[in-house]
Structures are given as C-alpha cells and as structure tokens.
Amino acid sequence: MLKEQPIDGIKIDRSFVAGLPADASSGAIVAAVVAMAHALGRSVTAEGIETSDQLAFLKALGCDLAQGYLLSSPLPFGELQDWLDAAHRV
C-alpha cells in the first residue's frame, strides 16, 4: 500500500504541470495528488515549471517544492552554491 512505502515525497510529472492552470483535468489530478500526499504526511515536488502561472497555481494548492526552467536551468553541482547565494541576497 502507498501509505506503507518508505518514501518521503511524491513528485508530480511535468506532463501534468505543462497544462496548468488552463487544463482542468490536469489541475484536478494535481490537486488530488497534493491532497493525498499531504494526508499521508508526504511532501510534494512539481517538476517542469516553466511559467509564473504554473508556479502560482501550484503554490495555491500547497505544493512543497518546485523544479523547472522558470526557477533555473540545470546546474553543475559546483555552481549550485553560487546560485543559492545569489537567490537569497537581499
């Protein structure tokens, strides 16, 4: 059963994120996955976020983590700390 699996989080595939927020079916699936994951005490990561509308929609649902080109292109590990430092400068 899903509730008994040794996992900390659930990832929402980019194929569901791509249609957000306009695609009602994708929106319903994503909302259900977020609600189910949280009910099971799991975190939710959405991947493939490319627009601010997608990010806003996912934030409104309570998605915990986000990945996608809107936030950053993939980085070599050595550049990650520089990116994190720059992202948190005031």
C-alpha atoms as a PDB file:
ATOM      1  CA  MET A   1       0.000   0.000   0.000  1.00  0.00           C
ATOM      2  CA  LEU A   2       1.162   3.539  -0.701  1.00  0.00           C
ATOM      3  CA  LYS A   3       0.911   4.642   2.932  1.00  0.00           C
ATOM      4  CA  GLU A   4       3.333   1.923   3.961  1.00  0.00           C
ATOM      5  CA  GLN A   5       6.016   2.633   1.359  1.00  0.00           C
ATOM      6  CA  PRO A   6       9.334   4.037   2.647  1.00  0.00           C
ATOM      7  CA  ILE A   7       9.084   7.323   0.733  1.00  0.00           C
ATOM      8  CA  ASP A   8       9.334  10.896   1.944  1.00  0.00           C
ATOM      9  CA  GLY A   9       7.749  12.621  -1.014  1.00  0.00           C
ATOM     10  CA  ILE A  10       5.832  12.406  -4.238  1.00  0.00           C
ATOM     11  CA  LYS A  11       6.847  14.067  -7.483  1.00  0.00           C
ATOM     12  CA  ILE A  12       4.311  15.416  -9.968  1.00  0.00           C
ATOM     13  CA  ASP A  13       5.475  14.779 -13.518  1.00  0.00           C
ATOM     14  CA  ARG A  14       5.958  17.657 -15.933  1.00  0.00           C
ATOM     15  CA  SER A  15       3.279  16.189 -18.203  1.00  0.00           C
ATOM     16  CA  PHE A  16       0.654  17.244 -15.633  1.00  0.00           C
ATOM     17  CA  VAL A  17       2.280  20.614 -14.920  1.00  0.00           C
ATOM     18  CA  ALA A  18       2.514  21.563 -18.612  1.00  0.00           C
ATOM     19  CA  GLY A  19      -1.232  22.146 -18.944  1.00  0.00           C
ATOM     20  CA  LEU A  20      -1.635  24.189 -15.787  1.00  0.00           C
ATOM     21  CA  PRO A  21      -3.565  26.226 -14.982  1.00  0.00           C
ATOM     22  CA  ALA A  22      -5.794  26.071 -18.089  1.00  0.00           C
ATOM     23  CA  ASP A  23      -6.264  22.286 -18.320  1.00  0.00           C
ATOM     24  CA  ALA A  24      -8.962  21.417 -15.802  1.00  0.00           C
ATOM     25  CA  SER A  25      -8.185  17.680 -15.908  1.00  0.00           C
ATOM     26  CA  SER A  26      -4.510  18.220 -15.122  1.00  0.00           C
ATOM     27  CA  GLY A  27      -5.481  20.672 -12.395  1.00  0.00           C
ATOM     28  CA  ALA A  28      -7.822  18.154 -10.789  1.00  0.00           C
ATOM     29  CA  ILE A  29      -5.195  15.404 -10.875  1.00  0.00           C
ATOM     30  CA  VAL A  30      -2.511  17.661  -9.422  1.00  0.00           C
ATOM     31  CA  ALA A  31      -4.852  18.906  -6.678  1.00  0.00           C
ATOM     32  CA  ALA A  32      -5.752  15.319  -5.781  1.00  0.00           C
ATOM     33  CA  VAL A  33      -2.099  14.228  -5.670  1.00  0.00           C
ATOM     34  CA  VAL A  34      -1.151  17.161  -3.427  1.00  0.00           C
ATOM     35  CA  ALA A  35      -4.069  16.485  -1.073  1.00  0.00           C
ATOM     36  CA  MET A  36      -3.337  12.750  -0.932  1.00  0.00           C
ATOM     37  CA  ALA A  37       0.389  13.262  -0.328  1.00  0.00           C
ATOM     38  CA  HIS A  38      -0.222  15.744   2.460  1.00  0.00           C
ATOM     39  CA  ALA A  39      -2.842  13.487   4.049  1.00  0.00           C
ATOM     40  CA  LEU A  40      -0.173  10.766   4.137  1.00  0.00           C
ATOM     41  CA  GLY A  41       2.391  13.138   5.607  1.00  0.00           C
ATOM     42  CA  ARG A  42       4.473  13.269   2.413  1.00  0.00           C
ATOM     43  CA  SER A  43       5.927  16.300   0.660  1.00  0.00           C
ATOM     44  CA  VAL A  44       5.117  17.152  -2.956  1.00  0.00           C
ATOM     45  CA  THR A  45       7.542  18.284  -5.645  1.00  0.00           C
ATOM     46  CA  ALA A  46       6.293  19.554  -9.002  1.00  0.00           C
ATOM     47  CA  GLU A  47       8.690  19.338 -11.930  1.00  0.00           C
ATOM     48  CA  GLY A  48       8.752  21.097 -15.266  1.00  0.00           C
ATOM     49  CA  ILE A  49       7.532  24.511 -14.100  1.00  0.00           C
ATOM     50  CA  GLU A  50       8.053  26.978 -16.932  1.00  0.00           C
ATOM     51  CA  THR A  51       5.617  29.826 -16.249  1.00  0.00           C
ATOM     52  CA  SER A  52       4.727  32.037 -13.318  1.00  0.00           C
ATOM     53  CA  ASP A  53       1.073  30.997 -13.731  1.00  0.00           C
ATOM     54  CA  GLN A  54       2.029  27.353 -13.199  1.00  0.00           C
ATOM     55  CA  LEU A  55       4.063  28.263 -10.124  1.00  0.00           C
ATOM     56  CA  ALA A  56       1.234  30.365  -8.672  1.00  0.00           C
ATOM     57  CA  PHE A  57      -1.276  27.560  -9.243  1.00  0.00           C
ATOM     58  CA  LEU A  58       0.976  25.016  -7.528  1.00  0.00           C
ATOM     59  CA  LYS A  59       1.686  27.348  -4.612  1.00  0.00           C
ATOM     60  CA  ALA A  60      -2.049  27.884  -4.130  1.00  0.00           C
ATOM     61  CA  LEU A  61      -2.503  24.104  -3.880  1.00  0.00           C
ATOM     62  CA  GLY A  62       0.228  23.903  -1.237  1.00  0.00           C
ATOM     63  CA  CYS A  63       2.874  22.185  -3.353  1.00  0.00           C
ATOM     64  CA  ASP A  64       6.004  21.998  -1.196  1.00  0.00           C
ATOM     65  CA  LEU A  65       8.845  22.083  -3.730  1.00  0.00           C
ATOM     66  CA  ALA A  66       9.278  23.222  -7.320  1.00  0.00           C
ATOM     67  CA  GLN A  67      11.636  22.377 -10.165  1.00  0.00           C
ATOM     68  CA  GLY A  68      11.792  23.845 -13.635  1.00  0.00           C
ATOM     69  CA  TYR A  69      13.341  26.284 -16.048  1.00  0.00           C
ATOM     70  CA  LEU A  70      11.308  29.148 -14.560  1.00  0.00           C
ATOM     71  CA  LEU A  71      13.491  28.817 -11.470  1.00  0.00           C
ATOM     72  CA  SER A  72      16.789  27.750 -13.036  1.00  0.00           C
ATOM     73  CA  SER A  73      18.267  25.654 -15.788  1.00  0.00           C
ATOM     74  CA  PRO A  74      20.077  22.517 -14.609  1.00  0.00           C
ATOM     75  CA  LEU A  75      23.356  23.406 -12.910  1.00  0.00           C
ATOM     76  CA  PRO A  76      26.577  21.509 -12.344  1.00  0.00           C
ATOM     77  CA  PHE A  77      26.987  20.742  -8.649  1.00  0.00           C
ATOM     78  CA  GLY A  78      29.908  23.165  -8.389  1.00  0.00           C
ATOM     79  CA  GLU A  79      27.691  26.097  -9.424  1.00  0.00           C
ATOM     80  CA  LEU A  80      24.807  25.284  -7.096  1.00  0.00           C
ATOM     81  CA  GLN A  81      26.130  27.134  -4.040  1.00  0.00           C
ATOM     82  CA  ASP A  82      26.743  30.310  -6.087  1.00  0.00           C
ATOM     83  CA  TRP A  83      23.178  30.125  -7.427  1.00  0.00           C
ATOM     84  CA  LEU A  84      21.746  29.613  -3.942  1.00  0.00           C
ATOM     85  CA  ASP A  85      23.777  32.505  -2.562  1.00  0.00           C
ATOM     86  CA  ALA A  86      22.624  34.823  -5.368  1.00  0.00           C
ATOM     87  CA  ALA A  87      18.987  33.749  -4.992  1.00  0.00           C
ATOM     88  CA  HIS A  88      18.934  34.683  -1.309  1.00  0.00           C
ATOM     89  CA  ARG A  89      20.683  38.039  -1.464  1.00  0.00           C
ATOM     90  CA  VAL A  90      18.575  40.961  -0.358  1.00  0.00           C
END
